[in-house]
Amino acid sequence: EEEAVLRLRLQIDERGRVIAVEPVGNADAAFVTAARQHLLRHWRYKPATEDGRPVASTIVITLRFEMRDV
């Protein structure tokens, strides 16, 4: 079994789509690659707003991965 905890900085466009994923601190490249692919394809956010209009934004999230034998 292997586990990883990743802190990632996400750039989110004005439509709420994740457009960039960068590790914060040290991170295993394989886990970052897997997370980046999943986040870019599947994650959506309610866009940040400024004066009532959607705007691009950046957030930092923490993900925990666990690999188990099935």
PDB file of N, CA and C in Angstrom:
ATOM      1  N   GLU A   1       0.832  -1.186   0.000  1.00  0.00           N
ATOM      2  CA  GLU A   1       0.000   0.000   0.000  1.00  0.00           C
ATOM      3  C   GLU A   1       0.875   1.248   0.000  1.00  0.00           C
ATOM      4  N   GLU A   2       0.451   2.229  -0.744  1.00  0.00           N
ATOM      5  CA  GLU A   2       1.196   3.479  -0.838  1.00  0.00           C
ATOM      6  C   GLU A   2       0.223   4.632  -0.636  1.00  0.00           C
ATOM      7  N   GLU A   3       0.714   5.685  -0.011  1.00  0.00           N
ATOM      8  CA  GLU A   3      -0.144   6.843   0.260  1.00  0.00           C
ATOM      9  C   GLU A   3       0.638   8.107  -0.062  1.00  0.00           C
ATOM     10  N   ALA A   4      -0.085   9.113  -0.506  1.00  0.00           N
ATOM     11  CA  ALA A   4       0.530  10.413  -0.757  1.00  0.00           C
ATOM     12  C   ALA A   4      -0.457  11.505  -0.393  1.00  0.00           C
ATOM     13  N   VAL A   5       0.065  12.569   0.170  1.00  0.00           N
ATOM     14  CA  VAL A   5      -0.746  13.755   0.440  1.00  0.00           C
ATOM     15  C   VAL A   5      -0.158  14.872  -0.412  1.00  0.00           C
ATOM     16  N   LEU A   6      -0.997  15.465  -1.251  1.00  0.00           N
ATOM     17  CA  LEU A   6      -0.547  16.512  -2.156  1.00  0.00           C
ATOM     18  C   LEU A   6      -1.218  17.832  -1.831  1.00  0.00           C
ATOM     19  N   ARG A   7      -0.432  18.881  -1.834  1.00  0.00           N
ATOM     20  CA  ARG A   7      -0.991  20.241  -1.811  1.00  0.00           C
ATOM     21  C   ARG A   7      -0.792  20.760  -3.216  1.00  0.00           C
ATOM     22  N   LEU A   8      -1.886  21.201  -3.809  1.00  0.00           N
ATOM     23  CA  LEU A   8      -1.859  21.626  -5.204  1.00  0.00           C
ATOM     24  C   LEU A   8      -2.468  23.008  -5.360  1.00  0.00           C
ATOM     25  N   ARG A   9      -1.846  23.813  -6.196  1.00  0.00           N
ATOM     26  CA  ARG A   9      -2.394  25.130  -6.546  1.00  0.00           C
ATOM     27  C   ARG A   9      -3.143  24.971  -7.863  1.00  0.00           C
ATOM     28  N   LEU A  10      -4.428  25.317  -7.835  1.00  0.00           N
ATOM     29  CA  LEU A  10      -5.264  25.206  -9.021  1.00  0.00           C
ATOM     30  C   LEU A  10      -5.566  26.584  -9.574  1.00  0.00           C
ATOM     31  N   GLN A  11      -5.438  26.731 -10.872  1.00  0.00           N
ATOM     32  CA  GLN A  11      -5.906  27.935 -11.550  1.00  0.00           C
ATOM     33  C   GLN A  11      -7.262  27.595 -12.160  1.00  0.00           C
ATOM     34  N   ILE A  12      -8.245  28.414 -11.873  1.00  0.00           N
ATOM     35  CA  ILE A  12      -9.612  28.178 -12.313  1.00  0.00           C
ATOM     36  C   ILE A  12     -10.022  29.336 -13.212  1.00  0.00           C
ATOM     37  N   ASP A  13     -10.568  29.000 -14.374  1.00  0.00           N
ATOM     38  CA  ASP A  13     -10.953  30.068 -15.294  1.00  0.00           C
ATOM     39  C   ASP A  13     -12.317  30.646 -14.921  1.00  0.00           C
ATOM     40  N   GLU A  14     -12.764  31.646 -15.692  1.00  0.00           N
ATOM     41  CA  GLU A  14     -14.013  32.336 -15.373  1.00  0.00           C
ATOM     42  C   GLU A  14     -15.250  31.464 -15.590  1.00  0.00           C
ATOM     43  N   ARG A  15     -15.075  30.284 -16.198  1.00  0.00           N
ATOM     44  CA  ARG A  15     -16.194  29.344 -16.350  1.00  0.00           C
ATOM     45  C   ARG A  15     -16.217  28.296 -15.241  1.00  0.00           C
ATOM     46  N   GLY A  16     -15.186  28.308 -14.370  1.00  0.00           N
ATOM     47  CA  GLY A  16     -15.113  27.354 -13.276  1.00  0.00           C
ATOM     48  C   GLY A  16     -14.322  26.099 -13.588  1.00  0.00           C
ATOM     49  N   ARG A  17     -13.666  26.072 -14.738  1.00  0.00           N
ATOM     50  CA  ARG A  17     -12.867  24.907 -15.128  1.00  0.00           C
ATOM     51  C   ARG A  17     -11.441  25.038 -14.594  1.00  0.00           C
ATOM     52  N   VAL A  18     -10.879  23.927 -14.139  1.00  0.00           N
ATOM     53  CA  VAL A  18      -9.481  23.900 -13.722  1.00  0.00           C
ATOM     54  C   VAL A  18      -8.640  23.927 -14.990  1.00  0.00           C
ATOM     55  N   ILE A  19      -7.733  24.902 -15.076  1.00  0.00           N
ATOM     56  CA  ILE A  19      -6.917  25.043 -16.284  1.00  0.00           C
ATOM     57  C   ILE A  19      -5.431  24.806 -16.033  1.00  0.00           C
ATOM     58  N   ALA A  20      -5.011  24.758 -14.763  1.00  0.00           N
ATOM     59  CA  ALA A  20      -3.615  24.490 -14.439  1.00  0.00           C
ATOM     60  C   ALA A  20      -3.534  23.912 -13.035  1.00  0.00           C
ATOM     61  N   VAL A  21      -2.588  22.991 -12.856  1.00  0.00           N
ATOM     62  CA  VAL A  21      -2.379  22.327 -11.559  1.00  0.00           C
ATOM     63  C   VAL A  21      -0.882  22.298 -11.306  1.00  0.00           C
ATOM     64  N   GLU A  22      -0.450  22.862 -10.185  1.00  0.00           N
ATOM     65  CA  GLU A  22       0.970  22.878  -9.824  1.00  0.00           C
ATOM     66  C   GLU A  22       1.126  22.419  -8.378  1.00  0.00           C
ATOM     67  N   PRO A  23       2.134  21.593  -8.100  1.00  0.00           N
ATOM     68  CA  PRO A  23       2.356  21.168  -6.712  1.00  0.00           C
ATOM     69  C   PRO A  23       2.850  22.319  -5.848  1.00  0.00           C
ATOM     70  N   VAL A  24       2.478  22.284  -4.590  1.00  0.00           N
ATOM     71  CA  VAL A  24       2.975  23.226  -3.587  1.00  0.00           C
ATOM     72  C   VAL A  24       3.881  22.400  -2.672  1.00  0.00           C
ATOM     73  N   GLY A  25       5.166  22.666  -2.703  1.00  0.00           N
ATOM     74  CA  GLY A  25       6.108  21.876  -1.910  1.00  0.00           C
ATOM     75  C   GLY A  25       6.530  20.623  -2.659  1.00  0.00           C
ATOM     76  N   ASN A  26       7.183  19.715  -1.935  1.00  0.00           N
ATOM     77  CA  ASN A  26       7.677  18.473  -2.528  1.00  0.00           C
ATOM     78  C   ASN A  26       6.516  17.533  -2.812  1.00  0.00           C
ATOM     79  N   ALA A  27       6.563  16.884  -3.968  1.00  0.00           N
ATOM     80  CA  ALA A  27       5.500  15.958  -4.336  1.00  0.00           C
ATOM     81  C   ALA A  27       6.046  14.916  -5.299  1.00  0.00           C
ATOM     82  N   ASP A  28       5.551  13.695  -5.167  1.00  0.00           N
ATOM     83  CA  ASP A  28       5.912  12.609  -6.061  1.00  0.00           C
ATOM     84  C   ASP A  28       5.341  12.906  -7.455  1.00  0.00           C
ATOM     85  N   ALA A  29       6.183  12.851  -8.454  1.00  0.00           N
ATOM     86  CA  ALA A  29       5.775  13.203  -9.816  1.00  0.00           C
ATOM     87  C   ALA A  29       4.628  12.341 -10.327  1.00  0.00           C
ATOM     88  N   ALA A  30       4.603  11.054 -10.002  1.00  0.00           N
ATOM     89  CA  ALA A  30       3.537  10.163 -10.479  1.00  0.00           C
ATOM     90  C   ALA A  30       2.189  10.577  -9.901  1.00  0.00           C
ATOM     91  N   PHE A  31       2.159  10.927  -8.628  1.00  0.00           N
ATOM     92  CA  PHE A  31       0.905  11.347  -8.009  1.00  0.00           C
ATOM     93  C   PHE A  31       0.450  12.696  -8.565  1.00  0.00           C
ATOM     94  N   VAL A  32       1.382  13.609  -8.798  1.00  0.00           N
ATOM     95  CA  VAL A  32       1.030  14.910  -9.364  1.00  0.00           C
ATOM     96  C   VAL A  32       0.453  14.728 -10.766  1.00  0.00           C
ATOM     97  N   THR A  33       1.061  13.876 -11.568  1.00  0.00           N
ATOM     98  CA  THR A  33       0.569  13.622 -12.922  1.00  0.00           C
ATOM     99  C   THR A  33      -0.846  13.051 -12.890  1.00  0.00           C
ATOM    100  N   ALA A  34      -1.085  12.070 -12.029  1.00  0.00           N
ATOM    101  CA  ALA A  34      -2.418  11.459 -11.918  1.00  0.00           C
ATOM    102  C   ALA A  34      -3.448  12.485 -11.457  1.00  0.00           C
ATOM    103  N   ALA A  35      -3.091  13.272 -10.467  1.00  0.00           N
ATOM    104  CA  ALA A  35      -4.009  14.289  -9.953  1.00  0.00           C
ATOM    105  C   ALA A  35      -4.301  15.330 -11.026  1.00  0.00           C
ATOM    106  N   ARG A  36      -3.269  15.793 -11.716  1.00  0.00           N
ATOM    107  CA  ARG A  36      -3.436  16.821 -12.755  1.00  0.00           C
ATOM    108  C   ARG A  36      -4.408  16.323 -13.824  1.00  0.00           C
ATOM    109  N   GLN A  37      -4.219  15.104 -14.306  1.00  0.00           N
ATOM    110  CA  GLN A  37      -5.102  14.566 -15.347  1.00  0.00           C
ATOM    111  C   GLN A  37      -6.547  14.510 -14.877  1.00  0.00           C
ATOM    112  N   HIS A  38      -6.762  14.033 -13.666  1.00  0.00           N
ATOM    113  CA  HIS A  38      -8.123  13.921 -13.137  1.00  0.00           C
ATOM    114  C   HIS A  38      -8.759  15.302 -12.933  1.00  0.00           C
ATOM    115  N   LEU A  39      -8.028  16.215 -12.323  1.00  0.00           N
ATOM    116  CA  LEU A  39      -8.568  17.543 -12.041  1.00  0.00           C
ATOM    117  C   LEU A  39      -8.922  18.304 -13.312  1.00  0.00           C
ATOM    118  N   LEU A  40      -8.053  18.248 -14.312  1.00  0.00           N
ATOM    119  CA  LEU A  40      -8.314  18.970 -15.559  1.00  0.00           C
ATOM    120  C   LEU A  40      -9.533  18.409 -16.286  1.00  0.00           C
ATOM    121  N   ARG A  41      -9.742  17.111 -16.197  1.00  0.00           N
ATOM    122  CA  ARG A  41     -10.861  16.480 -16.907  1.00  0.00           C
ATOM    123  C   ARG A  41     -12.193  16.598 -16.183  1.00  0.00           C
ATOM    124  N   HIS A  42     -12.174  16.518 -14.849  1.00  0.00           N
ATOM    125  CA  HIS A  42     -13.421  16.297 -14.127  1.00  0.00           C
ATOM    126  C   HIS A  42     -13.852  17.380 -13.146  1.00  0.00           C
ATOM    127  N   TRP A  43     -12.944  18.113 -12.561  1.00  0.00           N
ATOM    128  CA  TRP A  43     -13.331  19.043 -11.498  1.00  0.00           C
ATOM    129  C   TRP A  43     -13.833  20.355 -12.068  1.00  0.00           C
ATOM    130  N   ARG A  44     -14.933  20.833 -11.487  1.00  0.00           N
ATOM    131  CA  ARG A  44     -15.504  22.123 -11.848  1.00  0.00           C
ATOM    132  C   ARG A  44     -15.824  22.882 -10.567  1.00  0.00           C
ATOM    133  N   TYR A  45     -15.699  24.176 -10.623  1.00  0.00           N
ATOM    134  CA  TYR A  45     -15.982  25.048  -9.486  1.00  0.00           C
ATOM    135  C   TYR A  45     -16.997  26.100  -9.890  1.00  0.00           C
ATOM    136  N   LYS A  46     -17.675  26.631  -8.918  1.00  0.00           N
ATOM    137  CA  LYS A  46     -18.459  27.835  -9.156  1.00  0.00           C
ATOM    138  C   LYS A  46     -17.428  28.956  -9.271  1.00  0.00           C
ATOM    139  N   PRO A  47     -17.431  29.705 -10.367  1.00  0.00           N
ATOM    140  CA  PRO A  47     -16.394  30.724 -10.560  1.00  0.00           C
ATOM    141  C   PRO A  47     -16.425  31.803  -9.473  1.00  0.00           C
ATOM    142  N   ALA A  48     -15.245  32.321  -9.178  1.00  0.00           N
ATOM    143  CA  ALA A  48     -15.157  33.495  -8.311  1.00  0.00           C
ATOM    144  C   ALA A  48     -15.795  34.663  -9.069  1.00  0.00           C
ATOM    145  N   THR A  49     -16.251  35.656  -8.326  1.00  0.00           N
ATOM    146  CA  THR A  49     -16.857  36.814  -8.982  1.00  0.00           C
ATOM    147  C   THR A  49     -16.228  38.103  -8.472  1.00  0.00           C
ATOM    148  N   GLU A  50     -16.269  39.093  -9.336  1.00  0.00           N
ATOM    149  CA  GLU A  50     -15.813  40.436  -8.989  1.00  0.00           C
ATOM    150  C   GLU A  50     -16.829  41.398  -9.596  1.00  0.00           C
ATOM    151  N   ASP A  51     -17.443  42.192  -8.760  1.00  0.00           N
ATOM    152  CA  ASP A  51     -18.509  43.099  -9.204  1.00  0.00           C
ATOM    153  C   ASP A  51     -19.618  42.337  -9.945  1.00  0.00           C
ATOM    154  N   GLY A  52     -19.892  41.115  -9.461  1.00  0.00           N
ATOM    155  CA  GLY A  52     -20.965  40.303 -10.033  1.00  0.00           C
ATOM    156  C   GLY A  52     -20.611  39.558 -11.309  1.00  0.00           C
ATOM    157  N   ARG A  53     -19.383  39.715 -11.789  1.00  0.00           N
ATOM    158  CA  ARG A  53     -18.960  39.030 -13.006  1.00  0.00           C
ATOM    159  C   ARG A  53     -18.002  37.896 -12.678  1.00  0.00           C
ATOM    160  N   PRO A  54     -18.110  36.746 -13.365  1.00  0.00           N
ATOM    161  CA  PRO A  54     -17.171  35.645 -13.137  1.00  0.00           C
ATOM    162  C   PRO A  54     -15.748  36.052 -13.512  1.00  0.00           C
ATOM    163  N   VAL A  55     -14.782  35.660 -12.685  1.00  0.00           N
ATOM    164  CA  VAL A  55     -13.369  35.959 -12.938  1.00  0.00           C
ATOM    165  C   VAL A  55     -12.536  34.716 -12.675  1.00  0.00           C
ATOM    166  N   ALA A  56     -11.347  34.679 -13.259  1.00  0.00           N
ATOM    167  CA  ALA A  56     -10.393  33.604 -12.999  1.00  0.00           C
ATOM    168  C   ALA A  56      -9.888  33.725 -11.560  1.00  0.00           C
ATOM    169  N   SER A  57      -9.488  32.589 -10.982  1.00  0.00           N
ATOM    170  CA  SER A  57      -9.001  32.607  -9.601  1.00  0.00           C
ATOM    171  C   SER A  57      -7.999  31.477  -9.392  1.00  0.00           C
ATOM    172  N   THR A  58      -7.372  31.493  -8.221  1.00  0.00           N
ATOM    173  CA  THR A  58      -6.412  30.460  -7.832  1.00  0.00           C
ATOM    174  C   THR A  58      -6.746  30.016  -6.414  1.00  0.00           C
ATOM    175  N   ILE A  59      -6.700  28.687  -6.185  1.00  0.00           N
ATOM    176  CA  ILE A  59      -6.889  28.159  -4.837  1.00  0.00           C
ATOM    177  C   ILE A  59      -5.848  27.072  -4.580  1.00  0.00           C
ATOM    178  N   VAL A  60      -5.617  26.757  -3.318  1.00  0.00           N
ATOM    179  CA  VAL A  60      -4.743  25.658  -2.935  1.00  0.00           C
ATOM    180  C   VAL A  60      -5.605  24.613  -2.244  1.00  0.00           C
ATOM    181  N   ILE A  61      -5.469  23.353  -2.704  1.00  0.00           N
ATOM    182  CA  ILE A  61      -6.231  22.251  -2.123  1.00  0.00           C
ATOM    183  C   ILE A  61      -5.269  21.188  -1.608  1.00  0.00           C
ATOM    184  N   THR A  62      -5.766  20.297  -0.771  1.00  0.00           N
ATOM    185  CA  THR A  62      -5.002  19.148  -0.301  1.00  0.00           C
ATOM    186  C   THR A  62      -5.742  17.885  -0.707  1.00  0.00           C
ATOM    187  N   LEU A  63      -5.035  16.965  -1.360  1.00  0.00           N
ATOM    188  CA  LEU A  63      -5.594  15.679  -1.763  1.00  0.00           C
ATOM    189  C   LEU A  63      -4.831  14.560  -1.081  1.00  0.00           C
ATOM    190  N   ARG A  64      -5.540  13.496  -0.723  1.00  0.00           N
ATOM    191  CA  ARG A  64      -4.905  12.307  -0.155  1.00  0.00           C
ATOM    192  C   ARG A  64      -5.174  11.138  -1.106  1.00  0.00           C
ATOM    193  N   PHE A  65      -4.108  10.469  -1.521  1.00  0.00           N
ATOM    194  CA  PHE A  65      -4.203   9.294  -2.378  1.00  0.00           C
ATOM    195  C   PHE A  65      -3.844   8.065  -1.560  1.00  0.00           C
ATOM    196  N   GLU A  66      -4.597   7.007  -1.745  1.00  0.00           N
ATOM    197  CA  GLU A  66      -4.274   5.714  -1.154  1.00  0.00           C
ATOM    198  C   GLU A  66      -4.354   4.675  -2.247  1.00  0.00           C
ATOM    199  N   MET A  67      -3.295   3.897  -2.396  1.00  0.00           N
ATOM    200  CA  MET A  67      -3.297   2.792  -3.352  1.00  0.00           C
ATOM    201  C   MET A  67      -3.368   1.507  -2.542  1.00  0.00           C
ATOM    202  N   ARG A  68      -4.360   0.686  -2.859  1.00  0.00           N
ATOM    203  CA  ARG A  68      -4.557  -0.554  -2.120  1.00  0.00           C
ATOM    204  C   ARG A  68      -4.618  -1.734  -3.072  1.00  0.00           C
ATOM    205  N   ASP A  69      -4.271  -2.890  -2.552  1.00  0.00           N
ATOM    206  CA  ASP A  69      -4.471  -4.123  -3.297  1.00  0.00           C
ATOM    207  C   ASP A  69      -5.942  -4.446  -3.308  1.00  0.00           C
ATOM    208  N   VAL A  70      -6.431  -4.860  -4.438  1.00  0.00           N
ATOM    209  CA  VAL A  70      -7.856  -5.177  -4.548  1.00  0.00           C
ATOM    210  C   VAL A  70      -8.040  -6.675  -4.657  1.00  0.00           C
TER     211      VAL A  70
END
